Amino acid sequence: MIFLGEREDVNEIFSLIDVFALPSYREGLGMAILEASAMEKPVVATDIRGCREAIADGKTGIFGTGK
């Protein structure tokens, strides 16, 4: 895993990834999910409010259990 810190070139970073994972179980709707979806990347996130509204389970991403 590589931590890149704060970036201004997010669109370039998203073009390099295959899947986006948001491991937070309290963040709710993170902008990162919307950015990944805009780049047509599948998303893995916890099944919590906010994330539920941003992901079509099995179509645009999947929900992890958080366990």
PDB file of N, CA and C in Angstrom:
ATOM      1  N   MET A   1       0.845  -1.153   0.000  1.00  0.00           N
ATOM      2  CA  MET A   1       0.000   0.000   0.000  1.00  0.00           C
ATOM      3  C   MET A   1       0.903   1.232   0.000  1.00  0.00           C
ATOM      4  N   ILE A   2       0.517   2.217  -0.786  1.00  0.00           N
ATOM      5  CA  ILE A   2       1.285   3.453  -0.884  1.00  0.00           C
ATOM      6  C   ILE A   2       0.386   4.609  -0.465  1.00  0.00           C
ATOM      7  N   PHE A   3       0.829   5.400   0.497  1.00  0.00           N
ATOM      8  CA  PHE A   3       0.093   6.579   0.928  1.00  0.00           C
ATOM      9  C   PHE A   3       0.670   7.788   0.205  1.00  0.00           C
ATOM     10  N   LEU A   4      -0.157   8.449  -0.569  1.00  0.00           N
ATOM     11  CA  LEU A   4       0.313   9.545  -1.416  1.00  0.00           C
ATOM     12  C   LEU A   4       0.119  10.917  -0.803  1.00  0.00           C
ATOM     13  N   GLY A   5      -0.603  11.004   0.310  1.00  0.00           N
ATOM     14  CA  GLY A   5      -0.857  12.306   0.908  1.00  0.00           C
ATOM     15  C   GLY A   5      -1.892  13.082   0.113  1.00  0.00           C
ATOM     16  N   GLU A   6      -1.994  14.369   0.381  1.00  0.00           N
ATOM     17  CA  GLU A   6      -2.959  15.212  -0.326  1.00  0.00           C
ATOM     18  C   GLU A   6      -2.520  15.404  -1.771  1.00  0.00           C
ATOM     19  N   ARG A   7      -3.454  15.233  -2.682  1.00  0.00           N
ATOM     20  CA  ARG A   7      -3.136  15.323  -4.121  1.00  0.00           C
ATOM     21  C   ARG A   7      -4.098  16.262  -4.811  1.00  0.00           C
ATOM     22  N   GLU A   8      -3.636  16.865  -5.866  1.00  0.00           N
ATOM     23  CA  GLU A   8      -4.476  17.738  -6.697  1.00  0.00           C
ATOM     24  C   GLU A   8      -4.764  17.079  -8.042  1.00  0.00           C
ATOM     25  N   ASP A   9      -4.116  15.937  -8.306  1.00  0.00           N
ATOM     26  CA  ASP A   9      -4.256  15.248  -9.590  1.00  0.00           C
ATOM     27  C   ASP A   9      -5.056  13.948  -9.435  1.00  0.00           C
ATOM     28  N   VAL A  10      -6.180  14.039  -8.732  1.00  0.00           N
ATOM     29  CA  VAL A  10      -6.982  12.860  -8.420  1.00  0.00           C
ATOM     30  C   VAL A  10      -7.431  12.135  -9.683  1.00  0.00           C
ATOM     31  N   ASN A  11      -7.808  12.863 -10.716  1.00  0.00           N
ATOM     32  CA  ASN A  11      -8.256  12.203 -11.949  1.00  0.00           C
ATOM     33  C   ASN A  11      -7.157  11.325 -12.536  1.00  0.00           C
ATOM     34  N   GLU A  12      -5.916  11.718 -12.435  1.00  0.00           N
ATOM     35  CA  GLU A  12      -4.814  10.892 -12.937  1.00  0.00           C
ATOM     36  C   GLU A  12      -4.612   9.653 -12.069  1.00  0.00           C
ATOM     37  N   ILE A  13      -4.760   9.816 -10.760  1.00  0.00           N
ATOM     38  CA  ILE A  13      -4.618   8.679  -9.845  1.00  0.00           C
ATOM     39  C   ILE A  13      -5.725   7.661 -10.090  1.00  0.00           C
ATOM     40  N   PHE A  14      -6.976   8.124 -10.206  1.00  0.00           N
ATOM     41  CA  PHE A  14      -8.089   7.206 -10.440  1.00  0.00           C
ATOM     42  C   PHE A  14      -7.949   6.469 -11.764  1.00  0.00           C
ATOM     43  N   SER A  15      -7.319   7.070 -12.737  1.00  0.00           N
ATOM     44  CA  SER A  15      -7.148   6.379 -14.023  1.00  0.00           C
ATOM     45  C   SER A  15      -6.191   5.195 -13.900  1.00  0.00           C
ATOM     46  N   LEU A  16      -5.402   5.138 -12.834  1.00  0.00           N
ATOM     47  CA  LEU A  16      -4.431   4.063 -12.637  1.00  0.00           C
ATOM     48  C   LEU A  16      -4.966   2.889 -11.819  1.00  0.00           C
ATOM     49  N   ILE A  17      -6.095   3.077 -11.125  1.00  0.00           N
ATOM     50  CA  ILE A  17      -6.589   2.020 -10.240  1.00  0.00           C
ATOM     51  C   ILE A  17      -7.644   1.157 -10.932  1.00  0.00           C
ATOM     52  N   ASP A  18      -7.817  -0.062 -10.412  1.00  0.00           N
ATOM     53  CA  ASP A  18      -8.839  -0.975 -10.936  1.00  0.00           C
ATOM     54  C   ASP A  18     -10.108  -0.938 -10.095  1.00  0.00           C
ATOM     55  N   VAL A  19      -9.954  -0.835  -8.779  1.00  0.00           N
ATOM     56  CA  VAL A  19     -11.075  -0.843  -7.845  1.00  0.00           C
ATOM     57  C   VAL A  19     -10.786   0.186  -6.755  1.00  0.00           C
ATOM     58  N   PHE A  20     -11.827   0.913  -6.333  1.00  0.00           N
ATOM     59  CA  PHE A  20     -11.680   1.871  -5.241  1.00  0.00           C
ATOM     60  C   PHE A  20     -12.323   1.303  -3.992  1.00  0.00           C
ATOM     61  N   ALA A  21     -11.624   1.339  -2.864  1.00  0.00           N
ATOM     62  CA  ALA A  21     -12.167   0.866  -1.588  1.00  0.00           C
ATOM     63  C   ALA A  21     -12.215   2.012  -0.589  1.00  0.00           C
ATOM     64  N   LEU A  22     -13.364   2.181   0.030  1.00  0.00           N
ATOM     65  CA  LEU A  22     -13.528   3.150   1.112  1.00  0.00           C
ATOM     66  C   LEU A  22     -13.728   2.341   2.383  1.00  0.00           C
ATOM     67  N   PRO A  23     -12.687   2.140   3.192  1.00  0.00           N
ATOM     68  CA  PRO A  23     -12.783   1.251   4.352  1.00  0.00           C
ATOM     69  C   PRO A  23     -13.481   1.851   5.558  1.00  0.00           C
ATOM     70  N   SER A  24     -13.863   3.109   5.508  1.00  0.00           N
ATOM     71  CA  SER A  24     -14.478   3.770   6.653  1.00  0.00           C
ATOM     72  C   SER A  24     -15.863   3.193   6.943  1.00  0.00           C
ATOM     73  N   TYR A  25     -16.205   3.080   8.209  1.00  0.00           N
ATOM     74  CA  TYR A  25     -17.550   2.646   8.581  1.00  0.00           C
ATOM     75  C   TYR A  25     -18.340   3.777   9.230  1.00  0.00           C
ATOM     76  N   ARG A  26     -17.805   4.992   9.228  1.00  0.00           N
ATOM     77  CA  ARG A  26     -18.499   6.131   9.800  1.00  0.00           C
ATOM     78  C   ARG A  26     -18.510   7.352   8.897  1.00  0.00           C
ATOM     79  N   GLU A  27     -17.863   7.293   7.781  1.00  0.00           N
ATOM     80  CA  GLU A  27     -17.709   8.476   6.953  1.00  0.00           C
ATOM     81  C   GLU A  27     -18.994   8.919   6.282  1.00  0.00           C
ATOM     82  N   GLY A  28     -19.897   7.996   6.049  1.00  0.00           N
ATOM     83  CA  GLY A  28     -21.101   8.361   5.306  1.00  0.00           C
ATOM     84  C   GLY A  28     -20.754   8.536   3.841  1.00  0.00           C
ATOM     85  N   LEU A  29     -21.321   9.549   3.235  1.00  0.00           N
ATOM     86  CA  LEU A  29     -21.066   9.765   1.817  1.00  0.00           C
ATOM     87  C   LEU A  29     -19.767  10.528   1.648  1.00  0.00           C
ATOM     88  N   GLY A  30     -18.730   9.816   1.279  1.00  0.00           N
ATOM     89  CA  GLY A  30     -17.452  10.451   1.015  1.00  0.00           C
ATOM     90  C   GLY A  30     -17.376  10.921  -0.428  1.00  0.00           C
ATOM     91  N   MET A  31     -16.791  12.070  -0.640  1.00  0.00           N
ATOM     92  CA  MET A  31     -16.612  12.576  -2.008  1.00  0.00           C
ATOM     93  C   MET A  31     -15.782  11.612  -2.843  1.00  0.00           C
ATOM     94  N   ALA A  32     -14.908  10.863  -2.196  1.00  0.00           N
ATOM     95  CA  ALA A  32     -14.055   9.930  -2.925  1.00  0.00           C
ATOM     96  C   ALA A  32     -14.878   8.872  -3.667  1.00  0.00           C
ATOM     97  N   ILE A  33     -16.005   8.442  -3.074  1.00  0.00           N
ATOM     98  CA  ILE A  33     -16.876   7.480  -3.759  1.00  0.00           C
ATOM     99  C   ILE A  33     -17.435   8.092  -5.033  1.00  0.00           C
ATOM    100  N   LEU A  34     -17.871   9.324  -4.943  1.00  0.00           N
ATOM    101  CA  LEU A  34     -18.424   9.997  -6.121  1.00  0.00           C
ATOM    102  C   LEU A  34     -17.358  10.208  -7.184  1.00  0.00           C
ATOM    103  N   GLU A  35     -16.147  10.543  -6.761  1.00  0.00           N
ATOM    104  CA  GLU A  35     -15.046  10.724  -7.712  1.00  0.00           C
ATOM    105  C   GLU A  35     -14.707   9.413  -8.409  1.00  0.00           C
ATOM    106  N   ALA A  36     -14.649   8.321  -7.638  1.00  0.00           N
ATOM    107  CA  ALA A  36     -14.365   7.007  -8.233  1.00  0.00           C
ATOM    108  C   ALA A  36     -15.468   6.604  -9.204  1.00  0.00           C
ATOM    109  N   SER A  37     -16.703   6.847  -8.820  1.00  0.00           N
ATOM    110  CA  SER A  37     -17.826   6.516  -9.696  1.00  0.00           C
ATOM    111  C   SER A  37     -17.791   7.346 -10.974  1.00  0.00           C
ATOM    112  N   ALA A  38     -17.416   8.613 -10.859  1.00  0.00           N
ATOM    113  CA  ALA A  38     -17.310   9.474 -12.037  1.00  0.00           C
ATOM    114  C   ALA A  38     -16.250   8.960 -13.003  1.00  0.00           C
ATOM    115  N   MET A  39     -15.241   8.288 -12.469  1.00  0.00           N
ATOM    116  CA  MET A  39     -14.194   7.705 -13.307  1.00  0.00           C
ATOM    117  C   MET A  39     -14.533   6.270 -13.714  1.00  0.00           C
ATOM    118  N   GLU A  40     -15.788   5.844 -13.420  1.00  0.00           N
ATOM    119  CA  GLU A  40     -16.301   4.514 -13.763  1.00  0.00           C
ATOM    120  C   GLU A  40     -15.490   3.385 -13.149  1.00  0.00           C
ATOM    121  N   LYS A  41     -15.056   3.600 -11.902  1.00  0.00           N
ATOM    122  CA  LYS A  41     -14.333   2.569 -11.162  1.00  0.00           C
ATOM    123  C   LYS A  41     -15.297   1.879 -10.212  1.00  0.00           C
ATOM    124  N   PRO A  42     -15.233   0.550 -10.100  1.00  0.00           N
ATOM    125  CA  PRO A  42     -16.077  -0.136  -9.128  1.00  0.00           C
ATOM    126  C   PRO A  42     -15.641   0.238  -7.715  1.00  0.00           C
ATOM    127  N   VAL A  43     -16.605   0.298  -6.805  1.00  0.00           N
ATOM    128  CA  VAL A  43     -16.350   0.753  -5.434  1.00  0.00           C
ATOM    129  C   VAL A  43     -16.693  -0.347  -4.448  1.00  0.00           C
ATOM    130  N   VAL A  44     -15.848  -0.519  -3.443  1.00  0.00           N
ATOM    131  CA  VAL A  44     -16.130  -1.388  -2.311  1.00  0.00           C
ATOM    132  C   VAL A  44     -16.238  -0.466  -1.108  1.00  0.00           C
ATOM    133  N   ALA A  45     -17.365  -0.513  -0.411  1.00  0.00           N
ATOM    134  CA  ALA A  45     -17.584   0.353   0.744  1.00  0.00           C
ATOM    135  C   ALA A  45     -18.435  -0.382   1.775  1.00  0.00           C
ATOM    136  N   THR A  46     -18.456   0.164   2.966  1.00  0.00           N
ATOM    137  CA  THR A  46     -19.264  -0.399   4.044  1.00  0.00           C
ATOM    138  C   THR A  46     -20.736  -0.040   3.822  1.00  0.00           C
ATOM    139  N   ASP A  47     -21.611  -0.957   4.179  1.00  0.00           N
ATOM    140  CA  ASP A  47     -23.049  -0.767   3.980  1.00  0.00           C
ATOM    141  C   ASP A  47     -23.611   0.168   5.055  1.00  0.00           C
ATOM    142  N   ILE A  48     -23.383   1.459   4.865  1.00  0.00           N
ATOM    143  CA  ILE A  48     -23.869   2.474   5.791  1.00  0.00           C
ATOM    144  C   ILE A  48     -24.570   3.562   4.988  1.00  0.00           C
ATOM    145  N   ARG A  49     -25.346   4.404   5.690  1.00  0.00           N
ATOM    146  CA  ARG A  49     -26.042   5.464   4.969  1.00  0.00           C
ATOM    147  C   ARG A  49     -25.011   6.356   4.284  1.00  0.00           C
ATOM    148  N   GLY A  50     -25.397   6.931   3.215  1.00  0.00           N
ATOM    149  CA  GLY A  50     -24.490   7.726   2.399  1.00  0.00           C
ATOM    150  C   GLY A  50     -23.869   6.844   1.325  1.00  0.00           C
ATOM    151  N   CYS A  51     -23.173   5.824   1.762  1.00  0.00           N
ATOM    152  CA  CYS A  51     -22.591   4.883   0.797  1.00  0.00           C
ATOM    153  C   CYS A  51     -23.698   4.136   0.065  1.00  0.00           C
ATOM    154  N   ARG A  52     -24.774   3.778   0.793  1.00  0.00           N
ATOM    155  CA  ARG A  52     -25.902   3.071   0.165  1.00  0.00           C
ATOM    156  C   ARG A  52     -26.507   3.873  -0.971  1.00  0.00           C
ATOM    157  N   GLU A  53     -26.551   5.191  -0.809  1.00  0.00           N
ATOM    158  CA  GLU A  53     -27.140   6.040  -1.842  1.00  0.00           C
ATOM    159  C   GLU A  53     -26.202   6.248  -3.028  1.00  0.00           C
ATOM    160  N   ALA A  54     -24.924   6.027  -2.839  1.00  0.00           N
ATOM    161  CA  ALA A  54     -23.944   6.304  -3.893  1.00  0.00           C
ATOM    162  C   ALA A  54     -23.584   5.076  -4.732  1.00  0.00           C
ATOM    163  N   ILE A  55     -23.915   3.882  -4.231  1.00  0.00           N
ATOM    164  CA  ILE A  55     -23.508   2.654  -4.901  1.00  0.00           C
ATOM    165  C   ILE A  55     -24.734   1.811  -5.233  1.00  0.00           C
ATOM    166  N   ALA A  56     -24.805   1.343  -6.453  1.00  0.00           N
ATOM    167  CA  ALA A  56     -25.818   0.361  -6.837  1.00  0.00           C
ATOM    168  C   ALA A  56     -25.180  -1.004  -6.612  1.00  0.00           C
ATOM    169  N   ASP A  57     -25.533  -1.658  -5.501  1.00  0.00           N
ATOM    170  CA  ASP A  57     -24.895  -2.908  -5.099  1.00  0.00           C
ATOM    171  C   ASP A  57     -24.937  -3.944  -6.213  1.00  0.00           C
ATOM    172  N   GLY A  58     -23.774  -4.451  -6.565  1.00  0.00           N
ATOM    173  CA  GLY A  58     -23.663  -5.451  -7.618  1.00  0.00           C
ATOM    174  C   GLY A  58     -23.566  -4.865  -9.012  1.00  0.00           C
ATOM    175  N   LYS A  59     -23.750  -3.556  -9.141  1.00  0.00           N
ATOM    176  CA  LYS A  59     -23.665  -2.907 -10.457  1.00  0.00           C
ATOM    177  C   LYS A  59     -22.496  -1.927 -10.514  1.00  0.00           C
ATOM    178  N   THR A  60     -22.484  -0.963  -9.620  1.00  0.00           N
ATOM    179  CA  THR A  60     -21.393   0.026  -9.610  1.00  0.00           C
ATOM    180  C   THR A  60     -20.401  -0.257  -8.494  1.00  0.00           C
ATOM    181  N   GLY A  61     -20.701  -1.232  -7.666  1.00  0.00           N
ATOM    182  CA  GLY A  61     -19.818  -1.597  -6.571  1.00  0.00           C
ATOM    183  C   GLY A  61     -20.449  -2.644  -5.682  1.00  0.00           C
ATOM    184  N   ILE A  62     -19.786  -2.924  -4.581  1.00  0.00           N
ATOM    185  CA  ILE A  62     -20.310  -3.888  -3.609  1.00  0.00           C
ATOM    186  C   ILE A  62     -20.095  -3.345  -2.206  1.00  0.00           C
ATOM    187  N   PHE A  63     -20.850  -3.893  -1.270  1.00  0.00           N
ATOM    188  CA  PHE A  63     -20.722  -3.505   0.118  1.00  0.00           C
ATOM    189  C   PHE A  63     -19.981  -4.585   0.878  1.00  0.00           C
ATOM    190  N   GLY A  64     -18.985  -4.178   1.659  1.00  0.00           N
ATOM    191  CA  GLY A  64     -18.307  -5.083   2.578  1.00  0.00           C
ATOM    192  C   GLY A  64     -19.072  -5.113   3.879  1.00  0.00           C
ATOM    193  N   THR A  65     -18.783  -6.070   4.709  1.00  0.00           N
ATOM    194  CA  THR A  65     -19.507  -6.201   5.967  1.00  0.00           C
ATOM    195  C   THR A  65     -18.901  -5.353   7.076  1.00  0.00           C
ATOM    196  N   GLY A  66     -17.670  -4.933   6.908  1.00  0.00           N
ATOM    197  CA  GLY A  66     -16.998  -4.180   7.950  1.00  0.00           C
ATOM    198  C   GLY A  66     -16.500  -5.046   9.096  1.00  0.00           C
ATOM    199  N   LYS A  67     -16.512  -6.368   8.905  1.00  0.00           N
ATOM    200  CA  LYS A  67     -16.062  -7.295   9.954  1.00  0.00           C
ATOM    201  C   LYS A  67     -14.694  -7.831   9.620  1.00  0.00           C
TER     202      LYS A  67
END
